[in-house]
PDB file of N, CA and C in Angstrom:
ATOM      1  N   MET A   1      88.463  86.918  83.494  1.00  0.00           N
ATOM      2  CA  MET A   1      87.749  86.868  84.755  1.00  0.00           C
ATOM      3  C   MET A   1      88.652  86.195  85.796  1.00  0.00           C
ATOM      4  N   ILE A   2      88.568  86.668  87.029  1.00  0.00           N
ATOM      5  CA  ILE A   2      89.363  86.073  88.107  1.00  0.00           C
ATOM      6  C   ILE A   2      88.963  84.608  88.268  1.00  0.00           C
ATOM      7  N   GLU A   3      89.972  83.759  88.371  1.00  0.00           N
ATOM      8  CA  GLU A   3      89.697  82.328  88.486  1.00  0.00           C
ATOM      9  C   GLU A   3      90.222  81.731  89.787  1.00  0.00           C
ATOM     10  N   ILE A   4      91.379  82.177  90.249  1.00  0.00           N
ATOM     11  CA  ILE A   4      92.010  81.498  91.389  1.00  0.00           C
ATOM     12  C   ILE A   4      92.686  82.490  92.323  1.00  0.00           C
ATOM     13  N   VAL A   5      92.509  82.255  93.612  1.00  0.00           N
ATOM     14  CA  VAL A   5      93.375  82.808  94.647  1.00  0.00           C
ATOM     15  C   VAL A   5      94.049  81.587  95.264  1.00  0.00           C
ATOM     16  N   ASP A   6      95.346  81.476  95.064  1.00  0.00           N
ATOM     17  CA  ASP A   6      96.082  80.316  95.590  1.00  0.00           C
ATOM     18  C   ASP A   6      96.326  80.532  97.086  1.00  0.00           C
ATOM     19  N   SER A   7      95.618  79.776  97.912  1.00  0.00           N
ATOM     20  CA  SER A   7      95.724  79.947  99.367  1.00  0.00           C
ATOM     21  C   SER A   7      97.096  79.545  99.896  1.00  0.00           C
ATOM     22  N   ASP A   8      97.843  78.753  99.122  1.00  0.00           N
ATOM     23  CA  ASP A   8      99.204  78.406  99.549  1.00  0.00           C
ATOM     24  C   ASP A   8     100.171  79.573  99.363  1.00  0.00           C
ATOM     25  N   ARG A   9      99.870  80.461  98.428  1.00  0.00           N
ATOM     26  CA  ARG A   9     100.736  81.618  98.169  1.00  0.00           C
ATOM     27  C   ARG A   9     100.246  82.895  98.856  1.00  0.00           C
ATOM     28  N   CYS A  10      98.942  83.037  98.983  1.00  0.00           N
ATOM     29  CA  CYS A  10      98.353  84.270  99.518  1.00  0.00           C
ATOM     30  C   CYS A  10      98.884  84.548 100.927  1.00  0.00           C
ATOM     31  N   ILE A  11      99.272  85.806 101.160  1.00  0.00           N
ATOM     32  CA  ILE A  11      99.810  86.207 102.461  1.00  0.00           C
ATOM     33  C   ILE A  11      98.828  87.076 103.246  1.00  0.00           C
ATOM     34  N   GLY A  12      97.639  87.288 102.694  1.00  0.00           N
ATOM     35  CA  GLY A  12      96.620  88.058 103.405  1.00  0.00           C
ATOM     36  C   GLY A  12      96.888  89.552 103.461  1.00  0.00           C
ATOM     37  N   CYS A  13      97.582  90.085 102.468  1.00  0.00           N
ATOM     38  CA  CYS A  13      97.901  91.519 102.473  1.00  0.00           C
ATOM     39  C   CYS A  13      96.703  92.381 102.071  1.00  0.00           C
ATOM     40  N   ASP A  14      95.685  91.770 101.469  1.00  0.00           N
ATOM     41  CA  ASP A  14      94.469  92.449 101.004  1.00  0.00           C
ATOM     42  C   ASP A  14      94.710  93.460  99.888  1.00  0.00           C
ATOM     43  N   MET A  15      95.836  93.378  99.211  1.00  0.00           N
ATOM     44  CA  MET A  15      96.085  94.298  98.104  1.00  0.00           C
ATOM     45  C   MET A  15      95.039  94.112  97.004  1.00  0.00           C
ATOM     46  N   CYS A  16      94.667  92.862  96.716  1.00  0.00           N
ATOM     47  CA  CYS A  16      93.652  92.616  95.691  1.00  0.00           C
ATOM     48  C   CYS A  16      92.303  93.209  96.103  1.00  0.00           C
ATOM     49  N   VAL A  17      91.993  93.115  97.383  1.00  0.00           N
ATOM     50  CA  VAL A  17      90.744  93.681  97.902  1.00  0.00           C
ATOM     51  C   VAL A  17      90.741  95.197  97.703  1.00  0.00           C
ATOM     52  N   LYS A  18      91.879  95.828  97.942  1.00  0.00           N
ATOM     53  CA  LYS A  18      91.987  97.289  97.857  1.00  0.00           C
ATOM     54  C   LYS A  18      91.961  97.805  96.420  1.00  0.00           C
ATOM     55  N   VAL A  19      92.623  97.105  95.484  1.00  0.00           N
ATOM     56  CA  VAL A  19      92.754  97.650  94.132  1.00  0.00           C
ATOM     57  C   VAL A  19      91.618  97.276  93.199  1.00  0.00           C
ATOM     58  N   CYS A  20      90.807  96.300  93.565  1.00  0.00           N
ATOM     59  CA  CYS A  20      89.740  95.854  92.664  1.00  0.00           C
ATOM     60  C   CYS A  20      88.656  96.932  92.527  1.00  0.00           C
ATOM     61  N   PRO A  21      88.448  97.434  91.310  1.00  0.00           N
ATOM     62  CA  PRO A  21      87.442  98.486  91.125  1.00  0.00           C
ATOM     63  C   PRO A  21      85.999  97.978  91.223  1.00  0.00           C
ATOM     64  N   ARG A  22      85.799  96.669  91.180  1.00  0.00           N
ATOM     65  CA  ARG A  22      84.454  96.097  91.219  1.00  0.00           C
ATOM     66  C   ARG A  22      84.150  95.365  92.516  1.00  0.00           C
ATOM     67  N   ASP A  23      85.055  95.449  93.497  1.00  0.00           N
ATOM     68  CA  ASP A  23      84.826  94.849  94.817  1.00  0.00           C
ATOM     69  C   ASP A  23      84.560  93.344  94.720  1.00  0.00           C
ATOM     70  N   VAL A  24      85.385  92.653  93.943  1.00  0.00           N
ATOM     71  CA  VAL A  24      85.215  91.218  93.705  1.00  0.00           C
ATOM     72  C   VAL A  24      85.673  90.388  94.899  1.00  0.00           C
ATOM     73  N   PHE A  25      86.663  90.887  95.645  1.00  0.00           N
ATOM     74  CA  PHE A  25      87.274  90.105  96.723  1.00  0.00           C
ATOM     75  C   PHE A  25      86.782  90.531  98.101  1.00  0.00           C
ATOM     76  N   ASP A  26      86.835  89.587  99.012  1.00  0.00           N
ATOM     77  CA  ASP A  26      86.658  89.847 100.437  1.00  0.00           C
ATOM     78  C   ASP A  26      87.852  89.241 101.157  1.00  0.00           C
ATOM     79  N   SER A  27      88.080  89.712 102.354  1.00  0.00           N
ATOM     80  CA  SER A  27      89.077  89.081 103.214  1.00  0.00           C
ATOM     81  C   SER A  27      88.357  87.993 103.993  1.00  0.00           C
ATOM     82  N   GLY A  28      88.827  86.752 103.848  1.00  0.00           N
ATOM     83  CA  GLY A  28      88.168  85.621 104.487  1.00  0.00           C
ATOM     84  C   GLY A  28      88.404  85.582 105.983  1.00  0.00           C
ATOM     85  N   ALA A  29      87.741  84.674 106.648  1.00  0.00           N
ATOM     86  CA  ALA A  29      87.864  84.518 108.101  1.00  0.00           C
ATOM     87  C   ALA A  29      89.294  84.191 108.518  1.00  0.00           C
ATOM     88  N   ASP A  30      90.029  83.528 107.623  1.00  0.00           N
ATOM     89  CA  ASP A  30      91.427  83.187 107.917  1.00  0.00           C
ATOM     90  C   ASP A  30      92.388  84.310 107.522  1.00  0.00           C
ATOM     91  N   GLY A  31      91.855  85.438 107.040  1.00  0.00           N
ATOM     92  CA  GLY A  31      92.679  86.571 106.652  1.00  0.00           C
ATOM     93  C   GLY A  31      93.123  86.540 105.206  1.00  0.00           C
ATOM     94  N   LEU A  32      92.865  85.447 104.517  1.00  0.00           N
ATOM     95  CA  LEU A  32      93.257  85.329 103.115  1.00  0.00           C
ATOM     96  C   LEU A  32      92.145  85.837 102.207  1.00  0.00           C
ATOM     97  N   ALA A  33      92.532  86.321 101.039  1.00  0.00           N
ATOM     98  CA  ALA A  33      91.561  86.833 100.079  1.00  0.00           C
ATOM     99  C   ALA A  33      90.709  85.702  99.523  1.00  0.00           C
ATOM    100  N   VAL A  34      89.433  86.001  99.324  1.00  0.00           N
ATOM    101  CA  VAL A  34      88.519  85.060  98.695  1.00  0.00           C
ATOM    102  C   VAL A  34      87.766  85.778  97.578  1.00  0.00           C
ATOM    103  N   ILE A  35      87.440  85.031  96.539  1.00  0.00           N
ATOM    104  CA  ILE A  35      86.650  85.579  95.441  1.00  0.00           C
ATOM    105  C   ILE A  35      85.195  85.542  95.894  1.00  0.00           C
ATOM    106  N   ALA A  36      84.614  86.700  96.135  1.00  0.00           N
ATOM    107  CA  ALA A  36      83.264  86.783  96.692  1.00  0.00           C
ATOM    108  C   ALA A  36      82.199  87.086  95.642  1.00  0.00           C
ATOM    109  N   ARG A  37      82.580  87.835  94.612  1.00  0.00           N
ATOM    110  CA  ARG A  37      81.623  88.237  93.586  1.00  0.00           C
ATOM    111  C   ARG A  37      82.268  88.084  92.202  1.00  0.00           C
ATOM    112  N   LYS A  38      82.536  86.858  91.831  1.00  0.00           N
ATOM    113  CA  LYS A  38      83.272  86.543  90.603  1.00  0.00           C
ATOM    114  C   LYS A  38      82.622  87.150  89.367  1.00  0.00           C
ATOM    115  N   SER A  39      81.319  87.106  89.283  1.00  0.00           N
ATOM    116  CA  SER A  39      80.629  87.611  88.084  1.00  0.00           C
ATOM    117  C   SER A  39      80.783  89.126  87.921  1.00  0.00           C
ATOM    118  N   ASP A  40      81.212  89.820  88.962  1.00  0.00           N
ATOM    119  CA  ASP A  40      81.437  91.264  88.865  1.00  0.00           C
ATOM    120  C   ASP A  40      82.807  91.610  88.275  1.00  0.00           C
ATOM    121  N   CYS A  41      83.671  90.620  88.133  1.00  0.00           N
ATOM    122  CA  CYS A  41      85.029  90.853  87.634  1.00  0.00           C
ATOM    123  C   CYS A  41      84.982  91.409  86.215  1.00  0.00           C
ATOM    124  N   GLN A  42      85.720  92.490  85.977  1.00  0.00           N
ATOM    125  CA  GLN A  42      85.763  93.088  84.650  1.00  0.00           C
ATOM    126  C   GLN A  42      87.052  92.743  83.900  1.00  0.00           C
ATOM    127  N   THR A  43      87.848  91.829  84.455  1.00  0.00           N
ATOM    128  CA  THR A  43      89.070  91.338  83.814  1.00  0.00           C
ATOM    129  C   THR A  43      90.044  92.488  83.539  1.00  0.00           C
ATOM    130  N   CYS A  44      90.222  93.349  84.507  1.00  0.00           N
ATOM    131  CA  CYS A  44      91.154  94.467  84.358  1.00  0.00           C
ATOM    132  C   CYS A  44      92.579  94.086  84.746  1.00  0.00           C
ATOM    133  N   PHE A  45      92.740  92.964  85.450  1.00  0.00           N
ATOM    134  CA  PHE A  45      94.036  92.423  85.861  1.00  0.00           C
ATOM    135  C   PHE A  45      94.725  93.222  86.976  1.00  0.00           C
ATOM    136  N   LEU A  46      94.082  94.228  87.534  1.00  0.00           N
ATOM    137  CA  LEU A  46      94.731  95.009  88.599  1.00  0.00           C
ATOM    138  C   LEU A  46      95.103  94.144  89.789  1.00  0.00           C
ATOM    139  N   CYS A  47      94.219  93.216  90.154  1.00  0.00           N
ATOM    140  CA  CYS A  47      94.519  92.347  91.297  1.00  0.00           C
ATOM    141  C   CYS A  47      95.779  91.536  91.042  1.00  0.00           C
ATOM    142  N   GLU A  48      95.892  90.977  89.850  1.00  0.00           N
ATOM    143  CA  GLU A  48      97.069  90.175  89.518  1.00  0.00           C
ATOM    144  C   GLU A  48      98.322  91.049  89.448  1.00  0.00           C
ATOM    145  N   LEU A  49      98.188  92.243  88.919  1.00  0.00           N
ATOM    146  CA  LEU A  49      99.336  93.148  88.832  1.00  0.00           C
ATOM    147  C   LEU A  49      99.886  93.515  90.206  1.00  0.00           C
ATOM    148  N   TYR A  50      99.004  93.768  91.139  1.00  0.00           N
ATOM    149  CA  TYR A  50      99.438  94.252  92.449  1.00  0.00           C
ATOM    150  C   TYR A  50      99.720  93.163  93.468  1.00  0.00           C
ATOM    151  N   CYS A  51      99.384  91.917  93.186  1.00  0.00           N
ATOM    152  CA  CYS A  51      99.634  90.837  94.140  1.00  0.00           C
ATOM    153  C   CYS A  51     101.146  90.645  94.307  1.00  0.00           C
ATOM    154  N   PRO A  52     101.658  90.824  95.523  1.00  0.00           N
ATOM    155  CA  PRO A  52     103.113  90.755  95.716  1.00  0.00           C
ATOM    156  C   PRO A  52     103.679  89.337  95.682  1.00  0.00           C
ATOM    157  N   VAL A  53     102.814  88.321  95.700  1.00  0.00           N
ATOM    158  CA  VAL A  53     103.314  86.941  95.751  1.00  0.00           C
ATOM    159  C   VAL A  53     102.762  86.069  94.616  1.00  0.00           C
ATOM    160  N   ASP A  54     102.192  86.674  93.586  1.00  0.00           N
ATOM    161  CA  ASP A  54     101.651  85.938  92.438  1.00  0.00           C
ATOM    162  C   ASP A  54     100.685  84.834  92.864  1.00  0.00           C
ATOM    163  N   ALA A  55      99.737  85.196  93.701  1.00  0.00           N
ATOM    164  CA  ALA A  55      98.770  84.215  94.192  1.00  0.00           C
ATOM    165  C   ALA A  55      97.486  84.186  93.373  1.00  0.00           C
ATOM    166  N   LEU A  56      97.401  85.014  92.341  1.00  0.00           N
ATOM    167  CA  LEU A  56      96.161  85.143  91.583  1.00  0.00           C
ATOM    168  C   LEU A  56      96.329  84.733  90.131  1.00  0.00           C
ATOM    169  N   TYR A  57      95.237  84.244  89.573  1.00  0.00           N
ATOM    170  CA  TYR A  57      95.196  83.996  88.132  1.00  0.00           C
ATOM    171  C   TYR A  57      93.914  84.596  87.594  1.00  0.00           C
ATOM    172  N   VAL A  58      94.070  85.517  86.644  1.00  0.00           N
ATOM    173  CA  VAL A  58      92.942  86.113  85.937  1.00  0.00           C
ATOM    174  C   VAL A  58      92.973  85.558  84.518  1.00  0.00           C
ATOM    175  N   SER A  59      91.908  84.888  84.140  1.00  0.00           N
ATOM    176  CA  SER A  59      91.800  84.359  82.785  1.00  0.00           C
ATOM    177  C   SER A  59      91.542  85.524  81.831  1.00  0.00           C
ATOM    178  N   PRO A  60      92.117  85.484  80.642  1.00  0.00           N
ATOM    179  CA  PRO A  60      91.866  86.563  79.678  1.00  0.00           C
ATOM    180  C   PRO A  60      90.451  86.546  79.106  1.00  0.00           C
ATOM    181  N   TYR A  61      89.675  85.517  79.414  1.00  0.00           N
ATOM    182  CA  TYR A  61      88.309  85.412  78.903  1.00  0.00           C
ATOM    183  C   TYR A  61      87.349  86.097  79.879  1.00  0.00           C
ATOM    184  N   ALA A  62      86.926  87.295  79.536  1.00  0.00           N
ATOM    185  CA  ALA A  62      86.115  88.104  80.436  1.00  0.00           C
ATOM    186  C   ALA A  62      84.718  87.542  80.659  1.00  0.00           C
ATOM    187  N   GLU A  63      84.157  86.923  79.674  1.00  0.00           N
ATOM    188  CA  GLU A  63      82.769  86.473  79.768  1.00  0.00           C
ATOM    189  C   GLU A  63      82.618  84.997  80.109  1.00  0.00           C
ATOM    190  N   LEU A  64      83.728  84.271  80.155  1.00  0.00           N
ATOM    191  CA  LEU A  64      83.660  82.831  80.398  1.00  0.00           C
ATOM    192  C   LEU A  64      84.161  82.480  81.783  1.00  0.00           C
ATOM    193  N   ASP A  65      83.549  81.477  82.352  1.00  0.00           N
ATOM    194  CA  ASP A  65      84.063  80.904  83.580  1.00  0.00           C
ATOM    195  C   ASP A  65      85.032  79.814  83.147  1.00  0.00           C
ATOM    196  N   ASP A  66      86.315  80.121  83.161  1.00  0.00           N
ATOM    197  CA  ASP A  66      87.366  79.260  82.626  1.00  0.00           C
ATOM    198  C   ASP A  66      87.761  78.216  83.670  1.00  0.00           C
ATOM    199  N   ALA A  67      87.485  76.951  83.390  1.00  0.00           N
ATOM    200  CA  ALA A  67      87.852  75.881  84.325  1.00  0.00           C
ATOM    201  C   ALA A  67      89.376  75.718  84.302  1.00  0.00           C
ATOM    202  N   VAL A  68      90.020  76.040  85.415  1.00  0.00           N
ATOM    203  CA  VAL A  68      91.477  75.952  85.500  1.00  0.00           C
ATOM    204  C   VAL A  68      91.856  75.058  86.674  1.00  0.00           C
ATOM    205  N   ASP A  69      93.045  74.499  86.580  1.00  0.00           N
ATOM    206  CA  ASP A  69      93.566  73.611  87.600  1.00  0.00           C
ATOM    207  C   ASP A  69      94.811  74.259  88.201  1.00  0.00           C
ATOM    208  N   ILE A  70      94.848  74.401  89.516  1.00  0.00           N
ATOM    209  CA  ILE A  70      95.952  75.095  90.184  1.00  0.00           C
ATOM    210  C   ILE A  70      97.293  74.420  89.916  1.00  0.00           C
ATOM    211  N   GLU A  71      97.323  73.090  89.877  1.00  0.00           N
ATOM    212  CA  GLU A  71      98.588  72.397  89.608  1.00  0.00           C
ATOM    213  C   GLU A  71      99.085  72.688  88.193  1.00  0.00           C
ATOM    214  N   GLN A  72      98.151  72.725  87.254  1.00  0.00           N
ATOM    215  CA  GLN A  72      98.526  73.022  85.869  1.00  0.00           C
ATOM    216  C   GLN A  72      99.017  74.467  85.743  1.00  0.00           C
ATOM    217  N   LEU A  73      98.345  75.392  86.414  1.00  0.00           N
ATOM    218  CA  LEU A  73      98.788  76.786  86.391  1.00  0.00           C
ATOM    219  C   LEU A  73     100.191  76.923  86.968  1.00  0.00           C
ATOM    220  N   ASN A  74     100.439  76.228  88.081  1.00  0.00           N
ATOM    221  CA  ASN A  74     101.775  76.259  88.685  1.00  0.00           C
ATOM    222  C   ASN A  74     102.818  75.640  87.767  1.00  0.00           C
ATOM    223  N   ALA A  75     102.488  74.504  87.153  1.00  0.00           N
ATOM    224  CA  ALA A  75     103.429  73.829  86.264  1.00  0.00           C
ATOM    225  C   ALA A  75     103.785  74.686  85.055  1.00  0.00           C
ATOM    226  N   GLN A  76     102.815  75.470  84.575  1.00  0.00           N
ATOM    227  CA  GLN A  76     103.044  76.330  83.415  1.00  0.00           C
ATOM    228  C   GLN A  76     103.485  77.740  83.805  1.00  0.00           C
ATOM    229  N   ASN A  77     103.687  77.969  85.106  1.00  0.00           N
ATOM    230  CA  ASN A  77     104.124  79.261  85.619  1.00  0.00           C
ATOM    231  C   ASN A  77     103.182  80.399  85.187  1.00  0.00           C
ATOM    232  N   LEU A  78     101.882  80.137  85.274  1.00  0.00           N
ATOM    233  CA  LEU A  78     100.897  81.126  84.835  1.00  0.00           C
ATOM    234  C   LEU A  78     100.416  82.056  85.944  1.00  0.00           C
ATOM    235  N   LEU A  79     100.591  81.679  87.210  1.00  0.00           N
ATOM    236  CA  LEU A  79     100.203  82.598  88.282  1.00  0.00           C
ATOM    237  C   LEU A  79     101.118  83.820  88.231  1.00  0.00           C
ATOM    238  N   GLY A  80     100.519  84.995  88.099  1.00  0.00           N
ATOM    239  CA  GLY A  80     101.309  86.224  87.996  1.00  0.00           C
ATOM    240  C   GLY A  80     101.916  86.456  86.627  1.00  0.00           C
ATOM    241  N   SER A  81     101.510  85.687  85.620  1.00  0.00           N
ATOM    242  CA  SER A  81     102.119  85.820  84.292  1.00  0.00           C
ATOM    243  C   SER A  81     101.783  87.167  83.640  1.00  0.00           C
ATOM    244  N   TYR A  82     100.616  87.713  83.900  1.00  0.00           N
ATOM    245  CA  TYR A  82     100.275  89.016  83.330  1.00  0.00           C
ATOM    246  C   TYR A  82     101.225  90.087  83.856  1.00  0.00           C
ATOM    247  N   THR A  83     101.529  90.000  85.133  1.00  0.00           N
ATOM    248  CA  THR A  83     102.449  90.948  85.747  1.00  0.00           C
ATOM    249  C   THR A  83     103.811  90.887  85.059  1.00  0.00           C
ATOM    250  N   ARG A  84     104.321  89.703  84.873  1.00  0.00           N
ATOM    251  CA  ARG A  84     105.618  89.542  84.213  1.00  0.00           C
ATOM    252  C   ARG A  84     105.561  90.016  82.774  1.00  0.00           C
ATOM    253  N   ASN A  85     104.482  89.713  82.065  1.00  0.00           N
ATOM    254  CA  ASN A  85     104.355  90.129  80.670  1.00  0.00           C
ATOM    255  C   ASN A  85     104.259  91.644  80.532  1.00  0.00           C
ATOM    256  N   MET A  86     103.747  92.313  81.546  1.00  0.00           N
ATOM    257  CA  MET A  86     103.683  93.773  81.535  1.00  0.00           C
ATOM    258  C   MET A  86     105.028  94.402  81.880  1.00  0.00           C
ATOM    259  N   GLY A  87     105.946  93.587  82.395  1.00  0.00           N
ATOM    260  CA  GLY A  87     107.268  94.099  82.728  1.00  0.00           C
ATOM    261  C   GLY A  87     107.377  94.657  84.129  1.00  0.00           C
ATOM    262  N   TRP A  88     106.376  94.412  84.965  1.00  0.00           N
ATOM    263  CA  TRP A  88     106.416  94.921  86.329  1.00  0.00           C
ATOM    264  C   TRP A  88     107.383  94.102  87.153  1.00  0.00           C
ATOM    265  N   ASP A  89     108.150  94.778  87.982  1.00  0.00           N
ATOM    266  CA  ASP A  89     108.999  94.131  88.973  1.00  0.00           C
ATOM    267  C   ASP A  89     108.343  94.320  90.321  1.00  0.00           C
ATOM    268  N   ARG A  90     108.606  93.428  91.243  1.00  0.00           N
ATOM    269  CA  ARG A  90     108.036  93.561  92.584  1.00  0.00           C
ATOM    270  C   ARG A  90     108.515  94.836  93.261  1.00  0.00           C
ATOM    271  N   GLY A  91     109.675  95.330  92.917  1.00  0.00           N
ATOM    272  CA  GLY A  91     110.165  96.566  93.527  1.00  0.00           C
ATOM    273  C   GLY A  91     109.626  97.816  92.875  1.00  0.00           C
ATOM    274  N   LYS A  92     108.886  97.670  91.776  1.00  0.00           N
ATOM    275  CA  LYS A  92     108.368  98.820  91.035  1.00  0.00           C
ATOM    276  C   LYS A  92     106.865  98.702  90.904  1.00  0.00           C
ATOM    277  N   MET A  93     106.165  98.761  92.014  1.00  0.00           N
ATOM    278  CA  MET A  93     104.718  98.559  91.988  1.00  0.00           C
ATOM    279  C   MET A  93     103.988  99.623  91.174  1.00  0.00           C
ATOM    280  N   GLY A  94     104.617 100.762  90.903  1.00  0.00           N
ATOM    281  CA  GLY A  94     103.948 101.798  90.128  1.00  0.00           C
ATOM    282  C   GLY A  94     103.921 101.527  88.645  1.00  0.00           C
ATOM    283  N   GLY A  95     104.668 100.566  88.169  1.00  0.00           N
ATOM    284  CA  GLY A  95     104.655 100.242  86.754  1.00  0.00           C
ATOM    285  C   GLY A  95     106.008 100.422  86.108  1.00  0.00           C
ATOM    286  N   THR A  96     106.046 100.166  84.828  1.00  0.00           N
ATOM    287  CA  THR A  96     107.273 100.296  84.059  1.00  0.00           C
ATOM    288  C   THR A  96     106.947 100.963  82.742  1.00  0.00           C
ATOM    289  N   ASP A  97     107.935 101.040  81.886  1.00  0.00           N
ATOM    290  CA  ASP A  97     107.727 101.655  80.574  1.00  0.00           C
ATOM    291  C   ASP A  97     106.696 100.910  79.730  1.00  0.00           C
ATOM    292  N   LYS A  98     106.512  99.609  79.986  1.00  0.00           N
ATOM    293  CA  LYS A  98     105.539  98.831  79.222  1.00  0.00           C
ATOM    294  C   LYS A  98     104.126  99.011  79.754  1.00  0.00           C
ATOM    295  N   ASP A  99     103.969  99.656  80.872  1.00  0.00           N
ATOM    296  CA  ASP A  99     102.663  99.820  81.508  1.00  0.00           C
ATOM    297  C   ASP A  99     102.041 101.139  81.065  1.00  0.00           C
ATOM    298  N   PRO A 100     100.951 101.100  80.283  1.00  0.00           N
ATOM    299  CA  PRO A 100     100.352 102.347  79.809  1.00  0.00           C
ATOM    300  C   PRO A 100      99.792 103.218  80.920  1.00  0.00           C
ATOM    301  N   THR A 101      99.404 102.634  82.043  1.00  0.00           N
ATOM    302  CA  THR A 101      98.862 103.454  83.124  1.00  0.00           C
ATOM    303  C   THR A 101      99.939 104.318  83.759  1.00  0.00           C
ATOM    304  N   GLN A 102     101.194 103.852  83.730  1.00  0.00           N
ATOM    305  CA  GLN A 102     102.297 104.662  84.258  1.00  0.00           C
ATOM    306  C   GLN A 102     102.420 105.942  83.439  1.00  0.00           C
ATOM    307  N   LYS A 103     102.321 105.841  82.130  1.00  0.00           N
ATOM    308  CA  LYS A 103     102.423 107.023  81.264  1.00  0.00           C
ATOM    309  C   LYS A 103     101.282 107.996  81.555  1.00  0.00           C
ATOM    310  N   LEU A 104     100.087 107.458  81.803  1.00  0.00           N
ATOM    311  CA  LEU A 104      98.950 108.320  82.127  1.00  0.00           C
ATOM    312  C   LEU A 104      99.156 109.031  83.463  1.00  0.00           C
ATOM    313  N   ARG A 105      99.701 108.317  84.461  1.00  0.00           N
ATOM    314  CA  ARG A 105      99.938 108.943  85.763  1.00  0.00           C
ATOM    315  C   ARG A 105     100.979 110.045  85.666  1.00  0.00           C
ATOM    316  N   VAL A 106     102.030 109.829  84.871  1.00  0.00           N
ATOM    317  CA  VAL A 106     103.066 110.844  84.699  1.00  0.00           C
ATOM    318  C   VAL A 106     102.476 112.064  84.002  1.00  0.00           C
ATOM    319  N   LEU A 107     101.687 111.842  82.952  1.00  0.00           N
ATOM    320  CA  LEU A 107     101.044 112.931  82.239  1.00  0.00           C
ATOM    321  C   LEU A 107     100.095 113.687  83.158  1.00  0.00           C
ATOM    322  N   ASN A 108      99.304 112.970  83.943  1.00  0.00           N
ATOM    323  CA  ASN A 108      98.362 113.593  84.860  1.00  0.00           C
ATOM    324  C   ASN A 108      99.093 114.454  85.894  1.00  0.00           C
ATOM    325  N   ARG A 109     100.213 113.928  86.421  1.00  0.00           N
ATOM    326  CA  ARG A 109     100.990 114.697  87.391  1.00  0.00           C
ATOM    327  C   ARG A 109     101.532 115.985  86.785  1.00  0.00           C
ATOM    328  N   SER A 110     102.030 115.916  85.536  1.00  0.00           N
ATOM    329  CA  SER A 110     102.594 117.111  84.916  1.00  0.00           C
ATOM    330  C   SER A 110     101.506 118.141  84.624  1.00  0.00           C
ATOM    331  N   VAL A 111     100.314 117.679  84.226  1.00  0.00           N
ATOM    332  CA  VAL A 111      99.196 118.599  83.989  1.00  0.00           C
ATOM    333  C   VAL A 111      98.743 119.225  85.300  1.00  0.00           C
ATOM    334  N   THR A 112      98.643 118.418  86.352  1.00  0.00           N
ATOM    335  CA  THR A 112      98.238 118.917  87.661  1.00  0.00           C
ATOM    336  C   THR A 112      99.243 119.941  88.179  1.00  0.00           C
ATOM    337  N   ASN A 113     100.523 119.639  88.038  1.00  0.00           N
ATOM    338  CA  ASN A 113     101.559 120.579  88.483  1.00  0.00           C
ATOM    339  C   ASN A 113     101.510 121.876  87.692  1.00  0.00           C
ATOM    340  N   ALA A 114     101.312 121.783  86.386  1.00  0.00           N
ATOM    341  CA  ALA A 114     101.223 122.981  85.558  1.00  0.00           C
ATOM    342  C   ALA A 114     100.016 123.823  85.946  1.00  0.00           C
ATOM    343  N   ASN A 115      98.885 123.164  86.216  1.00  0.00           N
ATOM    344  CA  ASN A 115      97.684 123.892  86.632  1.00  0.00           C
ATOM    345  C   ASN A 115      97.891 124.574  87.983  1.00  0.00           C
ATOM    346  N   SER A 116      98.589 123.902  88.898  1.00  0.00           N
ATOM    347  CA  SER A 116      98.867 124.480  90.210  1.00  0.00           C
ATOM    348  C   SER A 116      99.743 125.711  90.089  1.00  0.00           C
ATOM    349  N   GLU A 117     100.744 125.628  89.230  1.00  0.00           N
ATOM    350  CA  GLU A 117     101.636 126.773  89.028  1.00  0.00           C
ATOM    351  C   GLU A 117     100.895 127.937  88.412  1.00  0.00           C
ATOM    352  N   ASN A 118     100.032 127.646  87.440  1.00  0.00           N
ATOM    353  CA  ASN A 118      99.270 128.712  86.779  1.00  0.00           C
ATOM    354  C   ASN A 118      98.266 129.349  87.723  1.00  0.00           C
ATOM    355  N   SER A 119      97.635 128.586  88.588  1.00  0.00           N
ATOM    356  CA  SER A 119      96.654 129.156  89.499  1.00  0.00           C
ATOM    357  C   SER A 119      97.359 130.000  90.563  1.00  0.00           C
ATOM    358  N   GLY A 120      98.586 129.656  90.907  1.00  0.00           N
ATOM    359  CA  GLY A 120      99.373 130.453  91.850  1.00  0.00           C
ATOM    360  C   GLY A 120      99.735 131.799  91.267  1.00  0.00           C
ATOM    361  N   ARG A 121     100.006 131.837  89.963  1.00  0.00           N
ATOM    362  CA  ARG A 121     100.331 133.108  89.279  1.00  0.00           C
ATOM    363  C   ARG A 121      99.115 134.015  89.187  1.00  0.00           C
ATOM    364  N   ASP A 122      97.939 133.403  89.015  1.00  0.00           N
ATOM    365  CA  ASP A 122      96.717 134.196  88.878  1.00  0.00           C
ATOM    366  C   ASP A 122      96.383 134.953  90.159  1.00  0.00           C
ATOM    367  N   ARG A 123      96.813 134.423  91.285  1.00  0.00           N
ATOM    368  CA  ARG A 123      96.485 135.056  92.572  1.00  0.00           C
ATOM    369  C   ARG A 123      97.371 136.243  92.874  1.00  0.00           C
ATOM    370  N   ARG A 124      98.473 136.398  92.169  1.00  0.00           N
ATOM    371  CA  ARG A 124      99.433 137.479  92.466  1.00  0.00           C
ATOM    372  C   ARG A 124      98.994 138.787  91.968  1.00  0.00           C
TER     373      ARG A 124
END
């Protein structure tokens, strides 16, 4: 479950707001992301994956409200740790070989392209 948006790191890009499938975040009055509906979080880690400045921490405990301390997270380098463990680089927002969703997107593109080619032949 989402636990922290570090306001010292957040740049207000709203990427977490855009990628969250459960609409957990809002853009605050100061332009920074805020956790608005924490209990709706499904612990998918998309927000943490896409955050360009590692301002988020998603606890791996989906059903628990995990009491975390921002200083401890910083000291243990846990902000953005899921992103690093998945092998994502900031320059490769689409994923890497370790990211299973990248493989699905590549497969989907090849199926879509094959279907497009086949439907073009049917019209001739």
